[in-house]
Amino acid sequence: MAESKTAKQEGLMYKGHPLRRVDNLIYYGSMADKYIIMMQVLESKKEQDLDMATKVSVQLQLTDPDLKSRDRVVKKSEKDSLYSAMDVAAIWLERALSGK
């Protein structure tokens, strides 16, 4: 029982990093780390009853609160699906946090 409580408090995790969604924005990573990924769904289309992302903006950002928002962006790209955006996001975040 205690095991499921900690999993709920943790929230959704992807490859060892937290994943949070607010409307059309998806944040990947922890604000406690030096870098975080912000993904924004720019366009989507209806597939049966689901909205499928067809254009996603991916940004690797510094988490330093003293920087202006445009100065935080380290890398950015646009992808044609959420799957490819998550693929790039996971690679960028791992490389940034490992210092490569």
PDB file of N, CA and C in Angstrom:
ATOM      1  N   MET A   1       0.823  -1.193   0.000  1.00  0.00           N
ATOM      2  CA  MET A   1       0.000   0.000   0.000  1.00  0.00           C
ATOM      3  C   MET A   1       0.869   1.258   0.000  1.00  0.00           C
ATOM      4  N   ALA A   2       1.933   1.282   0.807  1.00  0.00           N
ATOM      5  CA  ALA A   2       2.811   2.448   0.874  1.00  0.00           C
ATOM      6  C   ALA A   2       3.531   2.669  -0.456  1.00  0.00           C
ATOM      7  N   GLU A   3       3.772   1.574  -1.171  1.00  0.00           N
ATOM      8  CA  GLU A   3       4.472   1.671  -2.451  1.00  0.00           C
ATOM      9  C   GLU A   3       3.673   2.475  -3.471  1.00  0.00           C
ATOM     10  N   SER A   4       2.361   2.262  -3.520  1.00  0.00           N
ATOM     11  CA  SER A   4       1.528   2.977  -4.489  1.00  0.00           C
ATOM     12  C   SER A   4       1.391   4.454  -4.120  1.00  0.00           C
ATOM     13  N   LYS A   5       1.453   4.776  -2.840  1.00  0.00           N
ATOM     14  CA  LYS A   5       1.379   6.174  -2.417  1.00  0.00           C
ATOM     15  C   LYS A   5       2.585   6.976  -2.918  1.00  0.00           C
ATOM     16  N   THR A   6       3.787   6.417  -2.797  1.00  0.00           N
ATOM     17  CA  THR A   6       4.980   7.138  -3.254  1.00  0.00           C
ATOM     18  C   THR A   6       4.971   7.281  -4.762  1.00  0.00           C
ATOM     19  N   ALA A   7       4.460   6.287  -5.472  1.00  0.00           N
ATOM     20  CA  ALA A   7       4.382   6.375  -6.932  1.00  0.00           C
ATOM     21  C   ALA A   7       3.415   7.477  -7.341  1.00  0.00           C
ATOM     22  N   LYS A   8       2.316   7.631  -6.593  1.00  0.00           N
ATOM     23  CA  LYS A   8       1.356   8.687  -6.912  1.00  0.00           C
ATOM     24  C   LYS A   8       1.949  10.067  -6.647  1.00  0.00           C
ATOM     25  N   GLN A   9       2.692  10.216  -5.570  1.00  0.00           N
ATOM     26  CA  GLN A   9       3.286  11.501  -5.234  1.00  0.00           C
ATOM     27  C   GLN A   9       4.344  11.888  -6.257  1.00  0.00           C
ATOM     28  N   GLU A  10       5.047  10.899  -6.787  1.00  0.00           N
ATOM     29  CA  GLU A  10       6.087  11.141  -7.773  1.00  0.00           C
ATOM     30  C   GLU A  10       5.500  11.682  -9.065  1.00  0.00           C
ATOM     31  N   GLY A  11       4.346  11.191  -9.456  1.00  0.00           N
ATOM     32  CA  GLY A  11       3.735  11.587 -10.706  1.00  0.00           C
ATOM     33  C   GLY A  11       4.275  10.755 -11.852  1.00  0.00           C
ATOM     34  N   LEU A  12       4.003  11.188 -13.048  1.00  0.00           N
ATOM     35  CA  LEU A  12       4.420  10.456 -14.234  1.00  0.00           C
ATOM     36  C   LEU A  12       5.915  10.642 -14.471  1.00  0.00           C
ATOM     37  N   MET A  13       6.601   9.521 -14.697  1.00  0.00           N
ATOM     38  CA  MET A  13       8.039   9.558 -14.948  1.00  0.00           C
ATOM     39  C   MET A  13       8.315   8.966 -16.325  1.00  0.00           C
ATOM     40  N   TYR A  14       9.317   9.502 -17.027  1.00  0.00           N
ATOM     41  CA  TYR A  14       9.733   8.972 -18.321  1.00  0.00           C
ATOM     42  C   TYR A  14      11.251   8.946 -18.328  1.00  0.00           C
ATOM     43  N   LYS A  15      11.828   7.768 -18.449  1.00  0.00           N
ATOM     44  CA  LYS A  15      13.277   7.571 -18.453  1.00  0.00           C
ATOM     45  C   LYS A  15      13.951   8.260 -17.263  1.00  0.00           C
ATOM     46  N   GLY A  16      13.332   8.136 -16.099  1.00  0.00           N
ATOM     47  CA  GLY A  16      13.932   8.631 -14.859  1.00  0.00           C
ATOM     48  C   GLY A  16      13.731  10.101 -14.568  1.00  0.00           C
ATOM     49  N   HIS A  17      12.951  10.805 -15.387  1.00  0.00           N
ATOM     50  CA  HIS A  17      12.703  12.234 -15.160  1.00  0.00           C
ATOM     51  C   HIS A  17      11.200  12.497 -15.113  1.00  0.00           C
ATOM     52  N   PRO A  18      10.764  13.459 -14.287  1.00  0.00           N
ATOM     53  CA  PRO A  18       9.331  13.743 -14.193  1.00  0.00           C
ATOM     54  C   PRO A  18       8.775  14.383 -15.469  1.00  0.00           C
ATOM     55  N   LEU A  19       7.514  14.084 -15.727  1.00  0.00           N
ATOM     56  CA  LEU A  19       6.820  14.594 -16.912  1.00  0.00           C
ATOM     57  C   LEU A  19       5.536  15.254 -16.432  1.00  0.00           C
ATOM     58  N   ARG A  20       5.365  16.530 -16.722  1.00  0.00           N
ATOM     59  CA  ARG A  20       4.185  17.285 -16.285  1.00  0.00           C
ATOM     60  C   ARG A  20       3.530  17.947 -17.495  1.00  0.00           C
ATOM     61  N   ARG A  21       2.194  17.989 -17.475  1.00  0.00           N
ATOM     62  CA  ARG A  21       1.463  18.622 -18.570  1.00  0.00           C
ATOM     63  C   ARG A  21       0.560  19.714 -18.028  1.00  0.00           C
ATOM     64  N   VAL A  22       0.593  20.885 -18.670  1.00  0.00           N
ATOM     65  CA  VAL A  22      -0.301  21.990 -18.360  1.00  0.00           C
ATOM     66  C   VAL A  22      -0.861  22.464 -19.693  1.00  0.00           C
ATOM     67  N   ASP A  23      -2.136  22.163 -19.954  1.00  0.00           N
ATOM     68  CA  ASP A  23      -2.797  22.478 -21.226  1.00  0.00           C
ATOM     69  C   ASP A  23      -1.989  21.912 -22.390  1.00  0.00           C
ATOM     70  N   ASN A  24      -1.449  22.783 -23.260  1.00  0.00           N
ATOM     71  CA  ASN A  24      -0.690  22.297 -24.419  1.00  0.00           C
ATOM     72  C   ASN A  24       0.821  22.342 -24.180  1.00  0.00           C
ATOM     73  N   LEU A  25       1.241  22.568 -22.942  1.00  0.00           N
ATOM     74  CA  LEU A  25       2.664  22.573 -22.587  1.00  0.00           C
ATOM     75  C   LEU A  25       3.004  21.299 -21.819  1.00  0.00           C
ATOM     76  N   ILE A  26       4.147  20.703 -22.155  1.00  0.00           N
ATOM     77  CA  ILE A  26       4.619  19.512 -21.459  1.00  0.00           C
ATOM     78  C   ILE A  26       6.029  19.817 -20.959  1.00  0.00           C
ATOM     79  N   TYR A  27       6.230  19.673 -19.655  1.00  0.00           N
ATOM     80  CA  TYR A  27       7.537  19.910 -19.064  1.00  0.00           C
ATOM     81  C   TYR A  27       8.164  18.559 -18.731  1.00  0.00           C
ATOM     82  N   TYR A  28       9.410  18.383 -19.139  1.00  0.00           N
ATOM     83  CA  TYR A  28      10.135  17.132 -18.923  1.00  0.00           C
ATOM     84  C   TYR A  28      11.412  17.450 -18.181  1.00  0.00           C
ATOM     85  N   GLY A  29      11.560  16.897 -16.982  1.00  0.00           N
ATOM     86  CA  GLY A  29      12.730  17.159 -16.159  1.00  0.00           C
ATOM     87  C   GLY A  29      12.335  17.805 -14.854  1.00  0.00           C
ATOM     88  N   SER A  30      13.314  18.038 -14.023  1.00  0.00           N
ATOM     89  CA  SER A  30      13.082  18.605 -12.698  1.00  0.00           C
ATOM     90  C   SER A  30      13.646  20.023 -12.618  1.00  0.00           C
ATOM     91  N   MET A  31      12.911  20.911 -11.977  1.00  0.00           N
ATOM     92  CA  MET A  31      13.388  22.286 -11.801  1.00  0.00           C
ATOM     93  C   MET A  31      14.594  22.333 -10.863  1.00  0.00           C
ATOM     94  N   ALA A  32      14.844  21.267 -10.147  1.00  0.00           N
ATOM     95  CA  ALA A  32      16.013  21.197  -9.264  1.00  0.00           C
ATOM     96  C   ALA A  32      17.297  20.979 -10.070  1.00  0.00           C
ATOM     97  N   ASP A  33      17.168  20.476 -11.306  1.00  0.00           N
ATOM     98  CA  ASP A  33      18.329  20.265 -12.173  1.00  0.00           C
ATOM     99  C   ASP A  33      18.679  21.559 -12.912  1.00  0.00           C
ATOM    100  N   LYS A  34      19.809  21.540 -13.610  1.00  0.00           N
ATOM    101  CA  LYS A  34      20.257  22.734 -14.336  1.00  0.00           C
ATOM    102  C   LYS A  34      19.437  22.967 -15.608  1.00  0.00           C
ATOM    103  N   TYR A  35      18.939  21.887 -16.218  1.00  0.00           N
ATOM    104  CA  TYR A  35      18.195  21.988 -17.475  1.00  0.00           C
ATOM    105  C   TYR A  35      16.826  21.319 -17.361  1.00  0.00           C
ATOM    106  N   ILE A  36      15.912  21.776 -18.208  1.00  0.00           N
ATOM    107  CA  ILE A  36      14.574  21.195 -18.312  1.00  0.00           C
ATOM    108  C   ILE A  36      14.148  21.289 -19.778  1.00  0.00           C
ATOM    109  N   ILE A  37      13.241  20.423 -20.189  1.00  0.00           N
ATOM    110  CA  ILE A  37      12.701  20.469 -21.550  1.00  0.00           C
ATOM    111  C   ILE A  37      11.281  21.004 -21.487  1.00  0.00           C
ATOM    112  N   MET A  38      10.957  21.931 -22.391  1.00  0.00           N
ATOM    113  CA  MET A  38       9.587  22.401 -22.527  1.00  0.00           C
ATOM    114  C   MET A  38       9.111  22.063 -23.931  1.00  0.00           C
ATOM    115  N   MET A  39       8.004  21.328 -24.019  1.00  0.00           N
ATOM    116  CA  MET A  39       7.411  20.987 -25.312  1.00  0.00           C
ATOM    117  C   MET A  39       6.053  21.664 -25.407  1.00  0.00           C
ATOM    118  N   GLN A  40       5.776  22.266 -26.544  1.00  0.00           N
ATOM    119  CA  GLN A  40       4.490  22.922 -26.756  1.00  0.00           C
ATOM    120  C   GLN A  40       3.832  22.329 -27.995  1.00  0.00           C
ATOM    121  N   VAL A  41       2.612  21.835 -27.823  1.00  0.00           N
ATOM    122  CA  VAL A  41       1.859  21.308 -28.957  1.00  0.00           C
ATOM    123  C   VAL A  41       1.303  22.502 -29.724  1.00  0.00           C
ATOM    124  N   LEU A  42       1.812  22.708 -30.950  1.00  0.00           N
ATOM    125  CA  LEU A  42       1.412  23.852 -31.762  1.00  0.00           C
ATOM    126  C   LEU A  42       0.198  23.545 -32.638  1.00  0.00           C
ATOM    127  N   GLU A  43       0.131  22.324 -33.161  1.00  0.00           N
ATOM    128  CA  GLU A  43      -0.986  21.913 -34.007  1.00  0.00           C
ATOM    129  C   GLU A  43      -1.370  20.481 -33.661  1.00  0.00           C
ATOM    130  N   SER A  44      -2.651  20.174 -33.817  1.00  0.00           N
ATOM    131  CA  SER A  44      -3.112  18.799 -33.627  1.00  0.00           C
ATOM    132  C   SER A  44      -4.293  18.535 -34.547  1.00  0.00           C
ATOM    133  N   LYS A  45      -4.544  17.251 -34.798  1.00  0.00           N
ATOM    134  CA  LYS A  45      -5.692  16.876 -35.628  1.00  0.00           C
ATOM    135  C   LYS A  45      -6.473  15.781 -34.914  1.00  0.00           C
ATOM    136  N   LYS A  46      -7.761  15.668 -35.246  1.00  0.00           N
ATOM    137  CA  LYS A  46      -8.634  14.662 -34.638  1.00  0.00           C
ATOM    138  C   LYS A  46      -8.446  13.328 -35.332  1.00  0.00           C
ATOM    139  N   GLU A  47      -8.135  12.289 -34.559  1.00  0.00           N
ATOM    140  CA  GLU A  47      -8.086  10.906 -35.034  1.00  0.00           C
ATOM    141  C   GLU A  47      -9.115  10.161 -34.212  1.00  0.00           C
ATOM    142  N   GLN A  48     -10.243   9.841 -34.796  1.00  0.00           N
ATOM    143  CA  GLN A  48     -11.389   9.266 -34.089  1.00  0.00           C
ATOM    144  C   GLN A  48     -11.764  10.210 -32.944  1.00  0.00           C
ATOM    145  N   ASP A  49     -11.576   9.819 -31.691  1.00  0.00           N
ATOM    146  CA  ASP A  49     -11.934  10.686 -30.561  1.00  0.00           C
ATOM    147  C   ASP A  49     -10.736  11.362 -29.923  1.00  0.00           C
ATOM    148  N   LEU A  50      -9.526  11.127 -30.460  1.00  0.00           N
ATOM    149  CA  LEU A  50      -8.309  11.656 -29.841  1.00  0.00           C
ATOM    150  C   LEU A  50      -7.724  12.803 -30.643  1.00  0.00           C
ATOM    151  N   ASP A  51      -7.131  13.764 -29.932  1.00  0.00           N
ATOM    152  CA  ASP A  51      -6.348  14.823 -30.591  1.00  0.00           C
ATOM    153  C   ASP A  51      -4.918  14.324 -30.715  1.00  0.00           C
ATOM    154  N   MET A  52      -4.417  14.245 -31.931  1.00  0.00           N
ATOM    155  CA  MET A  52      -3.051  13.792 -32.186  1.00  0.00           C
ATOM    156  C   MET A  52      -2.188  15.005 -32.547  1.00  0.00           C
ATOM    157  N   ALA A  53      -1.053  15.165 -31.871  1.00  0.00           N
ATOM    158  CA  ALA A  53      -0.155  16.287 -32.143  1.00  0.00           C
ATOM    159  C   ALA A  53       0.479  16.118 -33.517  1.00  0.00           C
ATOM    160  N   THR A  54       0.429  17.171 -34.338  1.00  0.00           N
ATOM    161  CA  THR A  54       1.055  17.136 -35.660  1.00  0.00           C
ATOM    162  C   THR A  54       2.206  18.125 -35.769  1.00  0.00           C
ATOM    163  N   LYS A  55       2.362  18.996 -34.770  1.00  0.00           N
ATOM    164  CA  LYS A  55       3.474  19.942 -34.747  1.00  0.00           C
ATOM    165  C   LYS A  55       3.795  20.260 -33.290  1.00  0.00           C
ATOM    166  N   VAL A  56       5.017  19.937 -32.875  1.00  0.00           N
ATOM    167  CA  VAL A  56       5.425  20.119 -31.480  1.00  0.00           C
ATOM    168  C   VAL A  56       6.744  20.882 -31.436  1.00  0.00           C
ATOM    169  N   SER A  57       6.783  21.947 -30.654  1.00  0.00           N
ATOM    170  CA  SER A  57       8.006  22.715 -30.436  1.00  0.00           C
ATOM    171  C   SER A  57       8.722  22.135 -29.220  1.00  0.00           C
ATOM    172  N   VAL A  58      10.035  21.893 -29.353  1.00  0.00           N
ATOM    173  CA  VAL A  58      10.841  21.331 -28.265  1.00  0.00           C
ATOM    174  C   VAL A  58      11.940  22.338 -27.921  1.00  0.00           C
ATOM    175  N   GLN A  59      12.087  22.656 -26.632  1.00  0.00           N
ATOM    176  CA  GLN A  59      13.124  23.593 -26.199  1.00  0.00           C
ATOM    177  C   GLN A  59      13.871  23.027 -24.992  1.00  0.00           C
ATOM    178  N   LEU A  60      15.197  23.040 -25.082  1.00  0.00           N
ATOM    179  CA  LEU A  60      16.039  22.737 -23.928  1.00  0.00           C
ATOM    180  C   LEU A  60      16.305  24.074 -23.257  1.00  0.00           C
ATOM    181  N   GLN A  61      15.940  24.186 -21.968  1.00  0.00           N
ATOM    182  CA  GLN A  61      16.060  25.459 -21.267  1.00  0.00           C
ATOM    183  C   GLN A  61      16.858  25.316 -19.983  1.00  0.00           C
ATOM    184  N   LEU A  62      17.539  26.395 -19.621  1.00  0.00           N
ATOM    185  CA  LEU A  62      18.181  26.483 -18.310  1.00  0.00           C
ATOM    186  C   LEU A  62      17.100  26.777 -17.281  1.00  0.00           C
ATOM    187  N   THR A  63      17.257  26.291 -16.059  1.00  0.00           N
ATOM    188  CA  THR A  63      16.254  26.529 -15.016  1.00  0.00           C
ATOM    189  C   THR A  63      16.606  27.727 -14.146  1.00  0.00           C
ATOM    190  N   ASP A  64      17.649  28.474 -14.478  1.00  0.00           N
ATOM    191  CA  ASP A  64      18.087  29.632 -13.693  1.00  0.00           C
ATOM    192  C   ASP A  64      16.984  30.700 -13.687  1.00  0.00           C
ATOM    193  N   PRO A  65      16.409  31.009 -12.515  1.00  0.00           N
ATOM    194  CA  PRO A  65      15.315  31.984 -12.453  1.00  0.00           C
ATOM    195  C   PRO A  65      15.770  33.432 -12.690  1.00  0.00           C
ATOM    196  N   ASP A  66      17.076  33.693 -12.610  1.00  0.00           N
ATOM    197  CA  ASP A  66      17.578  35.040 -12.800  1.00  0.00           C
ATOM    198  C   ASP A  66      17.671  35.448 -14.271  1.00  0.00           C
ATOM    199  N   LEU A  67      17.619  34.469 -15.182  1.00  0.00           N
ATOM    200  CA  LEU A  67      17.703  34.769 -16.616  1.00  0.00           C
ATOM    201  C   LEU A  67      16.335  35.125 -17.175  1.00  0.00           C
ATOM    202  N   LYS A  68      16.321  35.962 -18.225  1.00  0.00           N
ATOM    203  CA  LYS A  68      15.076  36.258 -18.937  1.00  0.00           C
ATOM    204  C   LYS A  68      14.648  35.000 -19.676  1.00  0.00           C
ATOM    205  N   SER A  69      13.370  34.871 -19.966  1.00  0.00           N
ATOM    206  CA  SER A  69      12.855  33.639 -20.574  1.00  0.00           C
ATOM    207  C   SER A  69      13.501  33.344 -21.924  1.00  0.00           C
ATOM    208  N   ARG A  70      13.782  34.370 -22.734  1.00  0.00           N
ATOM    209  CA  ARG A  70      14.402  34.105 -24.037  1.00  0.00           C
ATOM    210  C   ARG A  70      15.882  33.732 -23.912  1.00  0.00           C
ATOM    211  N   ASP A  71      16.537  34.129 -22.816  1.00  0.00           N
ATOM    212  CA  ASP A  71      17.945  33.781 -22.586  1.00  0.00           C
ATOM    213  C   ASP A  71      18.109  32.378 -22.018  1.00  0.00           C
ATOM    214  N   ARG A  72      17.021  31.796 -21.529  1.00  0.00           N
ATOM    215  CA  ARG A  72      17.079  30.444 -20.957  1.00  0.00           C
ATOM    216  C   ARG A  72      17.174  29.367 -22.029  1.00  0.00           C
ATOM    217  N   VAL A  73      16.695  29.650 -23.234  1.00  0.00           N
ATOM    218  CA  VAL A  73      16.630  28.640 -24.295  1.00  0.00           C
ATOM    219  C   VAL A  73      18.036  28.321 -24.801  1.00  0.00           C
ATOM    220  N   VAL A  74      18.409  27.045 -24.722  1.00  0.00           N
ATOM    221  CA  VAL A  74      19.720  26.583 -25.168  1.00  0.00           C
ATOM    222  C   VAL A  74      19.611  25.999 -26.579  1.00  0.00           C
ATOM    223  N   LYS A  75      18.588  25.170 -26.804  1.00  0.00           N
ATOM    224  CA  LYS A  75      18.344  24.532 -28.103  1.00  0.00           C
ATOM    225  C   LYS A  75      16.854  24.520 -28.354  1.00  0.00           C
ATOM    226  N   LYS A  76      16.474  24.573 -29.628  1.00  0.00           N
ATOM    227  CA  LYS A  76      15.057  24.401 -29.944  1.00  0.00           C
ATOM    228  C   LYS A  76      14.888  23.732 -31.295  1.00  0.00           C
ATOM    229  N   SER A  77      13.750  23.063 -31.440  1.00  0.00           N
ATOM    230  CA  SER A  77      13.451  22.336 -32.669  1.00  0.00           C
ATOM    231  C   SER A  77      11.936  22.164 -32.773  1.00  0.00           C
ATOM    232  N   GLU A  78      11.469  21.815 -33.961  1.00  0.00           N
ATOM    233  CA  GLU A  78      10.062  21.478 -34.163  1.00  0.00           C
ATOM    234  C   GLU A  78       9.975  20.079 -34.743  1.00  0.00           C
ATOM    235  N   LYS A  79       9.069  19.293 -34.219  1.00  0.00           N
ATOM    236  CA  LYS A  79       8.878  17.909 -34.667  1.00  0.00           C
ATOM    237  C   LYS A  79       7.436  17.709 -35.117  1.00  0.00           C
ATOM    238  N   ASP A  80       7.215  16.664 -35.928  1.00  0.00           N
ATOM    239  CA  ASP A  80       5.888  16.437 -36.490  1.00  0.00           C
ATOM    240  C   ASP A  80       5.033  15.449 -35.704  1.00  0.00           C
ATOM    241  N   SER A  81       5.516  14.994 -34.551  1.00  0.00           N
ATOM    242  CA  SER A  81       4.700  14.140 -33.684  1.00  0.00           C
ATOM    243  C   SER A  81       5.225  14.236 -32.260  1.00  0.00           C
ATOM    244  N   LEU A  82       4.374  13.886 -31.326  1.00  0.00           N
ATOM    245  CA  LEU A  82       4.787  13.904 -29.920  1.00  0.00           C
ATOM    246  C   LEU A  82       5.839  12.833 -29.664  1.00  0.00           C
ATOM    247  N   TYR A  83       5.734  11.714 -30.367  1.00  0.00           N
ATOM    248  CA  TYR A  83       6.710  10.630 -30.212  1.00  0.00           C
ATOM    249  C   TYR A  83       8.119  11.109 -30.572  1.00  0.00           C
ATOM    250  N   SER A  84       8.278  11.733 -31.714  1.00  0.00           N
ATOM    251  CA  SER A  84       9.612  12.203 -32.117  1.00  0.00           C
ATOM    252  C   SER A  84      10.079  13.354 -31.224  1.00  0.00           C
ATOM    253  N   ALA A  85       9.145  14.169 -30.731  1.00  0.00           N
ATOM    254  CA  ALA A  85       9.511  15.254 -29.811  1.00  0.00           C
ATOM    255  C   ALA A  85      10.041  14.688 -28.494  1.00  0.00           C
ATOM    256  N   MET A  86       9.384  13.639 -27.977  1.00  0.00           N
ATOM    257  CA  MET A  86       9.839  13.007 -26.737  1.00  0.00           C
ATOM    258  C   MET A  86      11.191  12.325 -26.929  1.00  0.00           C
ATOM    259  N   ASP A  87      11.399  11.757 -28.104  1.00  0.00           N
ATOM    260  CA  ASP A  87      12.664  11.099 -28.424  1.00  0.00           C
ATOM    261  C   ASP A  87      13.816  12.105 -28.361  1.00  0.00           C
ATOM    262  N   VAL A  88      13.654  13.244 -29.015  1.00  0.00           N
ATOM    263  CA  VAL A  88      14.671  14.305 -29.013  1.00  0.00           C
ATOM    264  C   VAL A  88      14.834  14.879 -27.607  1.00  0.00           C
ATOM    265  N   ALA A  89      13.724  15.087 -26.914  1.00  0.00           N
ATOM    266  CA  ALA A  89      13.759  15.664 -25.568  1.00  0.00           C
ATOM    267  C   ALA A  89      14.570  14.794 -24.608  1.00  0.00           C
ATOM    268  N   ALA A  90      14.360  13.489 -24.666  1.00  0.00           N
ATOM    269  CA  ALA A  90      15.075  12.575 -23.769  1.00  0.00           C
ATOM    270  C   ALA A  90      16.580  12.618 -24.036  1.00  0.00           C
ATOM    271  N   ILE A  91      16.961  12.650 -25.293  1.00  0.00           N
ATOM    272  CA  ILE A  91      18.386  12.690 -25.659  1.00  0.00           C
ATOM    273  C   ILE A  91      19.011  14.013 -25.244  1.00  0.00           C
ATOM    274  N   TRP A  92      18.348  15.133 -25.565  1.00  0.00           N
ATOM    275  CA  TRP A  92      18.879  16.452 -25.204  1.00  0.00           C
ATOM    276  C   TRP A  92      19.051  16.598 -23.699  1.00  0.00           C
ATOM    277  N   LEU A  93      18.039  16.164 -22.941  1.00  0.00           N
ATOM    278  CA  LEU A  93      18.103  16.322 -21.485  1.00  0.00           C
ATOM    279  C   LEU A  93      19.222  15.472 -20.892  1.00  0.00           C
ATOM    280  N   GLU A  94      19.341  14.230 -21.328  1.00  0.00           N
ATOM    281  CA  GLU A  94      20.405  13.365 -20.814  1.00  0.00           C
ATOM    282  C   GLU A  94      21.782  13.942 -21.117  1.00  0.00           C
ATOM    283  N   ARG A  95      21.991  14.402 -22.345  1.00  0.00           N
ATOM    284  CA  ARG A  95      23.291  14.970 -22.714  1.00  0.00           C
ATOM    285  C   ARG A  95      23.586  16.248 -21.926  1.00  0.00           C
ATOM    286  N   ALA A  96      22.590  17.107 -21.766  1.00  0.00           N
ATOM    287  CA  ALA A  96      22.784  18.374 -21.053  1.00  0.00           C
ATOM    288  C   ALA A  96      23.122  18.111 -19.583  1.00  0.00           C
ATOM    289  N   LEU A  97      22.392  17.189 -18.958  1.00  0.00           N
ATOM    290  CA  LEU A  97      22.625  16.923 -17.548  1.00  0.00           C
ATOM    291  C   LEU A  97      23.922  16.166 -17.290  1.00  0.00           C
ATOM    292  N   SER A  98      24.399  15.426 -18.300  1.00  0.00           N
ATOM    293  CA  SER A  98      25.673  14.717 -18.115  1.00  0.00           C
ATOM    294  C   SER A  98      26.853  15.597 -18.472  1.00  0.00           C
ATOM    295  N   GLY A  99      26.607  16.774 -19.045  1.00  0.00           N
ATOM    296  CA  GLY A  99      27.672  17.717 -19.343  1.00  0.00           C
ATOM    297  C   GLY A  99      28.328  17.517 -20.693  1.00  0.00           C
ATOM    298  N   LYS A 100      27.720  16.735 -21.587  1.00  0.00           N
ATOM    299  CA  LYS A 100      28.317  16.488 -22.917  1.00  0.00           C
ATOM    300  C   LYS A 100      27.950  17.576 -23.893  1.00  0.00           C
TER     301      LYS A 100
END
